[in-house]
Amino acid sequence: MMKKLTLSLANEAIERILELSADTQITRRMTAKDSPAFHNLTGAITAYGKMLALLTALLLRCPLFAQILVSKH
């Protein structure tokens, strides 16, 4: 049960990050290139990508991380 709950929480977090990233990419497409807003949005998209990479790497390599996720919620 604990493992299913952990995977469910992790999947929800990953899904939410993907949604935020997609929304930010859409907003960036409507923003003038070389504007400060465009560069800020690019930075946000990069940060979402890094967070996804970190979260998936932790889930794959560290079963204890999954338990920590559950205990924090």
PDB file of N, CA and C in Angstrom:
ATOM      1  N   MET A   1       0.831  -1.199   0.000  1.00  0.00           N
ATOM      2  CA  MET A   1       0.000   0.000   0.000  1.00  0.00           C
ATOM      3  C   MET A   1       0.875   1.262   0.000  1.00  0.00           C
ATOM      4  N   MET A   2       1.924   1.253   0.825  1.00  0.00           N
ATOM      5  CA  MET A   2       2.808   2.415   0.922  1.00  0.00           C
ATOM      6  C   MET A   2       3.465   2.707  -0.422  1.00  0.00           C
ATOM      7  N   LYS A   3       3.889   1.664  -1.116  1.00  0.00           N
ATOM      8  CA  LYS A   3       4.555   1.849  -2.396  1.00  0.00           C
ATOM      9  C   LYS A   3       3.597   2.446  -3.426  1.00  0.00           C
ATOM     10  N   LYS A   4       2.350   1.972  -3.425  1.00  0.00           N
ATOM     11  CA  LYS A   4       1.356   2.501  -4.356  1.00  0.00           C
ATOM     12  C   LYS A   4       1.073   3.968  -4.068  1.00  0.00           C
ATOM     13  N   LEU A   5       0.968   4.315  -2.791  1.00  0.00           N
ATOM     14  CA  LEU A   5       0.715   5.690  -2.400  1.00  0.00           C
ATOM     15  C   LEU A   5       1.873   6.584  -2.820  1.00  0.00           C
ATOM     16  N   THR A   6       3.082   6.117  -2.612  1.00  0.00           N
ATOM     17  CA  THR A   6       4.269   6.876  -2.986  1.00  0.00           C
ATOM     18  C   THR A   6       4.308   7.114  -4.487  1.00  0.00           C
ATOM     19  N   LEU A   7       4.081   6.063  -5.246  1.00  0.00           N
ATOM     20  CA  LEU A   7       4.085   6.210  -6.698  1.00  0.00           C
ATOM     21  C   LEU A   7       2.977   7.130  -7.155  1.00  0.00           C
ATOM     22  N   SER A   8       1.834   7.068  -6.496  1.00  0.00           N
ATOM     23  CA  SER A   8       0.723   7.940  -6.843  1.00  0.00           C
ATOM     24  C   SER A   8       1.083   9.404  -6.598  1.00  0.00           C
ATOM     25  N   LEU A   9       1.692   9.685  -5.446  1.00  0.00           N
ATOM     26  CA  LEU A   9       2.106  11.060  -5.138  1.00  0.00           C
ATOM     27  C   LEU A   9       3.174  11.544  -6.114  1.00  0.00           C
ATOM     28  N   ALA A  10       4.117  10.676  -6.409  1.00  0.00           N
ATOM     29  CA  ALA A  10       5.180  11.046  -7.339  1.00  0.00           C
ATOM     30  C   ALA A  10       4.607  11.301  -8.725  1.00  0.00           C
ATOM     31  N   ASN A  11       3.698  10.451  -9.143  1.00  0.00           N
ATOM     32  CA  ASN A  11       3.074  10.640 -10.458  1.00  0.00           C
ATOM     33  C   ASN A  11       2.271  11.931 -10.508  1.00  0.00           C
ATOM     34  N   GLU A  12       1.587  12.257  -9.416  1.00  0.00           N
ATOM     35  CA  GLU A  12       0.843  13.519  -9.359  1.00  0.00           C
ATOM     36  C   GLU A  12       1.791  14.712  -9.454  1.00  0.00           C
ATOM     37  N   ALA A  13       2.919  14.635  -8.751  1.00  0.00           N
ATOM     38  CA  ALA A  13       3.894  15.726  -8.795  1.00  0.00           C
ATOM     39  C   ALA A  13       4.463  15.877 -10.200  1.00  0.00           C
ATOM     40  N   ILE A  14       4.801  14.769 -10.818  1.00  0.00           N
ATOM     41  CA  ILE A  14       5.344  14.812 -12.175  1.00  0.00           C
ATOM     42  C   ILE A  14       4.308  15.369 -13.139  1.00  0.00           C
ATOM     43  N   GLU A  15       3.076  14.927 -13.004  1.00  0.00           N
ATOM     44  CA  GLU A  15       2.013  15.420 -13.883  1.00  0.00           C
ATOM     45  C   GLU A  15       1.814  16.925 -13.726  1.00  0.00           C
ATOM     46  N   ARG A  16       1.846  17.401 -12.483  1.00  0.00           N
ATOM     47  CA  ARG A  16       1.665  18.839 -12.235  1.00  0.00           C
ATOM     48  C   ARG A  16       2.817  19.652 -12.813  1.00  0.00           C
ATOM     49  N   ILE A  17       4.028  19.167 -12.661  1.00  0.00           N
ATOM     50  CA  ILE A  17       5.186  19.868 -13.231  1.00  0.00           C
ATOM     51  C   ILE A  17       5.064  19.919 -14.752  1.00  0.00           C
ATOM     52  N   LEU A  18       4.632  18.828 -15.361  1.00  0.00           N
ATOM     53  CA  LEU A  18       4.448  18.815 -16.817  1.00  0.00           C
ATOM     54  C   LEU A  18       3.380  19.812 -17.251  1.00  0.00           C
ATOM     55  N   GLU A  19       2.293  19.907 -16.487  1.00  0.00           N
ATOM     56  CA  GLU A  19       1.240  20.875 -16.800  1.00  0.00           C
ATOM     57  C   GLU A  19       1.768  22.303 -16.708  1.00  0.00           C
ATOM     58  N   LEU A  20       2.497  22.588 -15.639  1.00  0.00           N
ATOM     59  CA  LEU A  20       3.060  23.928 -15.477  1.00  0.00           C
ATOM     60  C   LEU A  20       4.031  24.263 -16.599  1.00  0.00           C
ATOM     61  N   SER A  21       4.857  23.293 -16.960  1.00  0.00           N
ATOM     62  CA  SER A  21       5.815  23.499 -18.033  1.00  0.00           C
ATOM     63  C   SER A  21       5.104  23.763 -19.358  1.00  0.00           C
ATOM     64  N   ALA A  22       4.074  22.994 -19.641  1.00  0.00           N
ATOM     65  CA  ALA A  22       3.324  23.182 -20.894  1.00  0.00           C
ATOM     66  C   ALA A  22       2.662  24.552 -20.929  1.00  0.00           C
ATOM     67  N   ASP A  23       2.061  24.960 -19.824  1.00  0.00           N
ATOM     68  CA  ASP A  23       1.435  26.290 -19.765  1.00  0.00           C
ATOM     69  C   ASP A  23       2.468  27.394 -19.979  1.00  0.00           C
ATOM     70  N   THR A  24       3.620  27.224 -19.381  1.00  0.00           N
ATOM     71  CA  THR A  24       4.687  28.221 -19.517  1.00  0.00           C
ATOM     72  C   THR A  24       5.198  28.272 -20.947  1.00  0.00           C
ATOM     73  N   GLN A  25       5.311  27.125 -21.591  1.00  0.00           N
ATOM     74  CA  GLN A  25       5.763  27.096 -22.982  1.00  0.00           C
ATOM     75  C   GLN A  25       4.762  27.791 -23.895  1.00  0.00           C
ATOM     76  N   ILE A  26       3.483  27.601 -23.638  1.00  0.00           N
ATOM     77  CA  ILE A  26       2.449  28.278 -24.435  1.00  0.00           C
ATOM     78  C   ILE A  26       2.554  29.784 -24.247  1.00  0.00           C
ATOM     79  N   THR A  27       2.711  30.213 -23.011  1.00  0.00           N
ATOM     80  CA  THR A  27       2.854  31.644 -22.727  1.00  0.00           C
ATOM     81  C   THR A  27       4.096  32.208 -23.406  1.00  0.00           C
ATOM     82  N   ARG A  28       5.181  31.445 -23.374  1.00  0.00           N
ATOM     83  CA  ARG A  28       6.421  31.919 -23.992  1.00  0.00           C
ATOM     84  C   ARG A  28       6.264  32.102 -25.493  1.00  0.00           C
ATOM     85  N   ARG A  29       5.500  31.212 -26.138  1.00  0.00           N
ATOM     86  CA  ARG A  29       5.283  31.334 -27.589  1.00  0.00           C
ATOM     87  C   ARG A  29       4.557  32.623 -27.954  1.00  0.00           C
ATOM     88  N   MET A  30       3.789  33.150 -27.007  1.00  0.00           N
ATOM     89  CA  MET A  30       3.031  34.379 -27.267  1.00  0.00           C
ATOM     90  C   MET A  30       3.800  35.628 -26.834  1.00  0.00           C
ATOM     91  N   THR A  31       5.010  35.438 -26.350  1.00  0.00           N
ATOM     92  CA  THR A  31       5.824  36.538 -25.839  1.00  0.00           C
ATOM     93  C   THR A  31       6.886  36.919 -26.866  1.00  0.00           C
ATOM     94  N   ALA A  32       7.174  38.209 -26.953  1.00  0.00           N
ATOM     95  CA  ALA A  32       8.182  38.694 -27.895  1.00  0.00           C
ATOM     96  C   ALA A  32       9.550  38.118 -27.556  1.00  0.00           C
ATOM     97  N   LYS A  33      10.213  37.572 -28.587  1.00  0.00           N
ATOM     98  CA  LYS A  33      11.557  37.037 -28.372  1.00  0.00           C
ATOM     99  C   LYS A  33      12.496  38.164 -27.966  1.00  0.00           C
ATOM    100  N   ASP A  34      13.510  37.815 -27.220  1.00  0.00           N
ATOM    101  CA  ASP A  34      14.516  38.747 -26.713  1.00  0.00           C
ATOM    102  C   ASP A  34      13.968  39.745 -25.706  1.00  0.00           C
ATOM    103  N   SER A  35      12.733  39.533 -25.252  1.00  0.00           N
ATOM    104  CA  SER A  35      12.203  40.398 -24.190  1.00  0.00           C
ATOM    105  C   SER A  35      12.578  39.782 -22.841  1.00  0.00           C
ATOM    106  N   PRO A  36      12.592  40.588 -21.799  1.00  0.00           N
ATOM    107  CA  PRO A  36      12.890  40.042 -20.473  1.00  0.00           C
ATOM    108  C   PRO A  36      11.898  38.928 -20.071  1.00  0.00           C
ATOM    109  N   ALA A  37      10.644  39.105 -20.415  1.00  0.00           N
ATOM    110  CA  ALA A  37       9.636  38.090 -20.074  1.00  0.00           C
ATOM    111  C   ALA A  37       9.941  36.768 -20.766  1.00  0.00           C
ATOM    112  N   PHE A  38      10.364  36.831 -22.026  1.00  0.00           N
ATOM    113  CA  PHE A  38      10.705  35.614 -22.777  1.00  0.00           C
ATOM    114  C   PHE A  38      11.840  34.867 -22.078  1.00  0.00           C
ATOM    115  N   HIS A  39      12.844  35.604 -21.658  1.00  0.00           N
ATOM    116  CA  HIS A  39      13.990  34.975 -20.994  1.00  0.00           C
ATOM    117  C   HIS A  39      13.614  34.425 -19.612  1.00  0.00           C
ATOM    118  N   ASN A  40      12.731  35.130 -18.894  1.00  0.00           N
ATOM    119  CA  ASN A  40      12.259  34.622 -17.604  1.00  0.00           C
ATOM    120  C   ASN A  40      11.470  33.322 -17.785  1.00  0.00           C
ATOM    121  N   LEU A  41      10.632  33.279 -18.807  1.00  0.00           N
ATOM    122  CA  LEU A  41       9.852  32.070 -19.074  1.00  0.00           C
ATOM    123  C   LEU A  41      10.764  30.917 -19.489  1.00  0.00           C
ATOM    124  N   THR A  42      11.796  31.228 -20.257  1.00  0.00           N
ATOM    125  CA  THR A  42      12.764  30.194 -20.644  1.00  0.00           C
ATOM    126  C   THR A  42      13.437  29.618 -19.402  1.00  0.00           C
ATOM    127  N   GLY A  43      13.778  30.478 -18.464  1.00  0.00           N
ATOM    128  CA  GLY A  43      14.375  30.023 -17.214  1.00  0.00           C
ATOM    129  C   GLY A  43      13.426  29.142 -16.417  1.00  0.00           C
ATOM    130  N   ALA A  44      12.151  29.498 -16.412  1.00  0.00           N
ATOM    131  CA  ALA A  44      11.156  28.690 -15.692  1.00  0.00           C
ATOM    132  C   ALA A  44      11.024  27.309 -16.333  1.00  0.00           C
ATOM    133  N   ILE A  45      11.004  27.261 -17.656  1.00  0.00           N
ATOM    134  CA  ILE A  45      10.894  25.983 -18.361  1.00  0.00           C
ATOM    135  C   ILE A  45      12.104  25.110 -18.055  1.00  0.00           C
ATOM    136  N   THR A  46      13.266  25.718 -18.027  1.00  0.00           N
ATOM    137  CA  THR A  46      14.485  24.979 -17.679  1.00  0.00           C
ATOM    138  C   THR A  46      14.402  24.438 -16.257  1.00  0.00           C
ATOM    139  N   ALA A  47      13.902  25.244 -15.343  1.00  0.00           N
ATOM    140  CA  ALA A  47      13.768  24.812 -13.950  1.00  0.00           C
ATOM    141  C   ALA A  47      12.788  23.640 -13.831  1.00  0.00           C
ATOM    142  N   TYR A  48      11.687  23.693 -14.570  1.00  0.00           N
ATOM    143  CA  TYR A  48      10.737  22.573 -14.551  1.00  0.00           C
ATOM    144  C   TYR A  48      11.413  21.300 -15.051  1.00  0.00           C
ATOM    145  N   GLY A  49      12.196  21.420 -16.094  1.00  0.00           N
ATOM    146  CA  GLY A  49      12.908  20.261 -16.628  1.00  0.00           C
ATOM    147  C   GLY A  49      13.880  19.682 -15.620  1.00  0.00           C
ATOM    148  N   LYS A  50      14.594  20.545 -14.929  1.00  0.00           N
ATOM    149  CA  LYS A  50      15.539  20.082 -13.910  1.00  0.00           C
ATOM    150  C   LYS A  50      14.818  19.409 -12.748  1.00  0.00           C
ATOM    151  N   MET A  51      13.685  19.964 -12.359  1.00  0.00           N
ATOM    152  CA  MET A  51      12.912  19.359 -11.274  1.00  0.00           C
ATOM    153  C   MET A  51      12.394  17.985 -11.676  1.00  0.00           C
ATOM    154  N   LEU A  52      11.929  17.850 -12.898  1.00  0.00           N
ATOM    155  CA  LEU A  52      11.481  16.548 -13.390  1.00  0.00           C
ATOM    156  C   LEU A  52      12.618  15.540 -13.382  1.00  0.00           C
ATOM    157  N   ALA A  53      13.777  15.961 -13.844  1.00  0.00           N
ATOM    158  CA  ALA A  53      14.934  15.068 -13.872  1.00  0.00           C
ATOM    159  C   ALA A  53      15.320  14.632 -12.464  1.00  0.00           C
ATOM    160  N   LEU A  54      15.320  15.567 -11.537  1.00  0.00           N
ATOM    161  CA  LEU A  54      15.674  15.256 -10.151  1.00  0.00           C
ATOM    162  C   LEU A  54      14.660  14.300  -9.528  1.00  0.00           C
ATOM    163  N   LEU A  55      13.388  14.607  -9.684  1.00  0.00           N
ATOM    164  CA  LEU A  55      12.350  13.774  -9.087  1.00  0.00           C
ATOM    165  C   LEU A  55      12.368  12.356  -9.641  1.00  0.00           C
ATOM    166  N   THR A  56      12.481  12.226 -10.941  1.00  0.00           N
ATOM    167  CA  THR A  56      12.500  10.882 -11.523  1.00  0.00           C
ATOM    168  C   THR A  56      13.770  10.131 -11.138  1.00  0.00           C
ATOM    169  N   ALA A  57      14.905  10.818 -11.093  1.00  0.00           N
ATOM    170  CA  ALA A  57      16.152  10.156 -10.696  1.00  0.00           C
ATOM    171  C   ALA A  57      16.076   9.670  -9.246  1.00  0.00           C
ATOM    172  N   LEU A  58      15.530  10.489  -8.385  1.00  0.00           N
ATOM    173  CA  LEU A  58      15.400  10.088  -6.987  1.00  0.00           C
ATOM    174  C   LEU A  58      14.463   8.900  -6.831  1.00  0.00           C
ATOM    175  N   LEU A  59      13.376   8.914  -7.558  1.00  0.00           N
ATOM    176  CA  LEU A  59      12.429   7.803  -7.466  1.00  0.00           C
ATOM    177  C   LEU A  59      13.037   6.505  -7.991  1.00  0.00           C
ATOM    178  N   LEU A  60      13.834   6.606  -9.029  1.00  0.00           N
ATOM    179  CA  LEU A  60      14.434   5.410  -9.610  1.00  0.00           C
ATOM    180  C   LEU A  60      15.587   4.869  -8.775  1.00  0.00           C
ATOM    181  N   ARG A  61      16.330   5.760  -8.118  1.00  0.00           N
ATOM    182  CA  ARG A  61      17.557   5.346  -7.442  1.00  0.00           C
ATOM    183  C   ARG A  61      17.455   5.223  -5.939  1.00  0.00           C
ATOM    184  N   CYS A  62      16.448   5.792  -5.371  1.00  0.00           N
ATOM    185  CA  CYS A  62      16.414   5.843  -3.915  1.00  0.00           C
ATOM    186  C   CYS A  62      15.021   5.519  -3.388  1.00  0.00           C
ATOM    187  N   PRO A  63      14.772   4.270  -3.060  1.00  0.00           N
ATOM    188  CA  PRO A  63      13.460   3.907  -2.515  1.00  0.00           C
ATOM    189  C   PRO A  63      13.115   4.668  -1.235  1.00  0.00           C
ATOM    190  N   LEU A  64      14.130   5.077  -0.470  1.00  0.00           N
ATOM    191  CA  LEU A  64      13.855   5.837   0.746  1.00  0.00           C
ATOM    192  C   LEU A  64      13.251   7.199   0.441  1.00  0.00           C
ATOM    193  N   PHE A  65      13.620   7.783  -0.693  1.00  0.00           N
ATOM    194  CA  PHE A  65      13.049   9.071  -1.062  1.00  0.00           C
ATOM    195  C   PHE A  65      11.540   8.958  -1.192  1.00  0.00           C
ATOM    196  N   ALA A  66      11.099   7.847  -1.752  1.00  0.00           N
ATOM    197  CA  ALA A  66       9.664   7.617  -1.899  1.00  0.00           C
ATOM    198  C   ALA A  66       8.990   7.606  -0.532  1.00  0.00           C
ATOM    199  N   GLN A  67       9.621   6.998   0.452  1.00  0.00           N
ATOM    200  CA  GLN A  67       9.056   6.968   1.796  1.00  0.00           C
ATOM    201  C   GLN A  67       9.040   8.356   2.423  1.00  0.00           C
ATOM    202  N   ILE A  68      10.065   9.139   2.152  1.00  0.00           N
ATOM    203  CA  ILE A  68      10.119  10.505   2.664  1.00  0.00           C
ATOM    204  C   ILE A  68       8.986  11.334   2.068  1.00  0.00           C
ATOM    205  N   LEU A  69       8.729  11.159   0.777  1.00  0.00           N
ATOM    206  CA  LEU A  69       7.622  11.868   0.131  1.00  0.00           C
ATOM    207  C   LEU A  69       6.310  11.585   0.851  1.00  0.00           C
ATOM    208  N   VAL A  70       6.077  10.346   1.169  1.00  0.00           N
ATOM    209  CA  VAL A  70       4.823   9.958   1.806  1.00  0.00           C
ATOM    210  C   VAL A  70       4.752  10.527   3.219  1.00  0.00           C
ATOM    211  N   SER A  71       5.830  10.473   3.977  1.00  0.00           N
ATOM    212  CA  SER A  71       5.807  10.924   5.360  1.00  0.00           C
ATOM    213  C   SER A  71       5.619  12.428   5.475  1.00  0.00           C
ATOM    214  N   LYS A  72       5.971  13.187   4.446  1.00  0.00           N
ATOM    215  CA  LYS A  72       5.839  14.653   4.476  1.00  0.00           C
ATOM    216  C   LYS A  72       4.408  15.089   4.214  1.00  0.00           C
ATOM    217  N   HIS A  73       3.573  14.218   3.641  1.00  0.00           N
ATOM    218  CA  HIS A  73       2.195  14.603   3.288  1.00  0.00           C
ATOM    219  C   HIS A  73       1.196  14.075   4.253  1.00  0.00           C
TER     220      HIS A  73
END
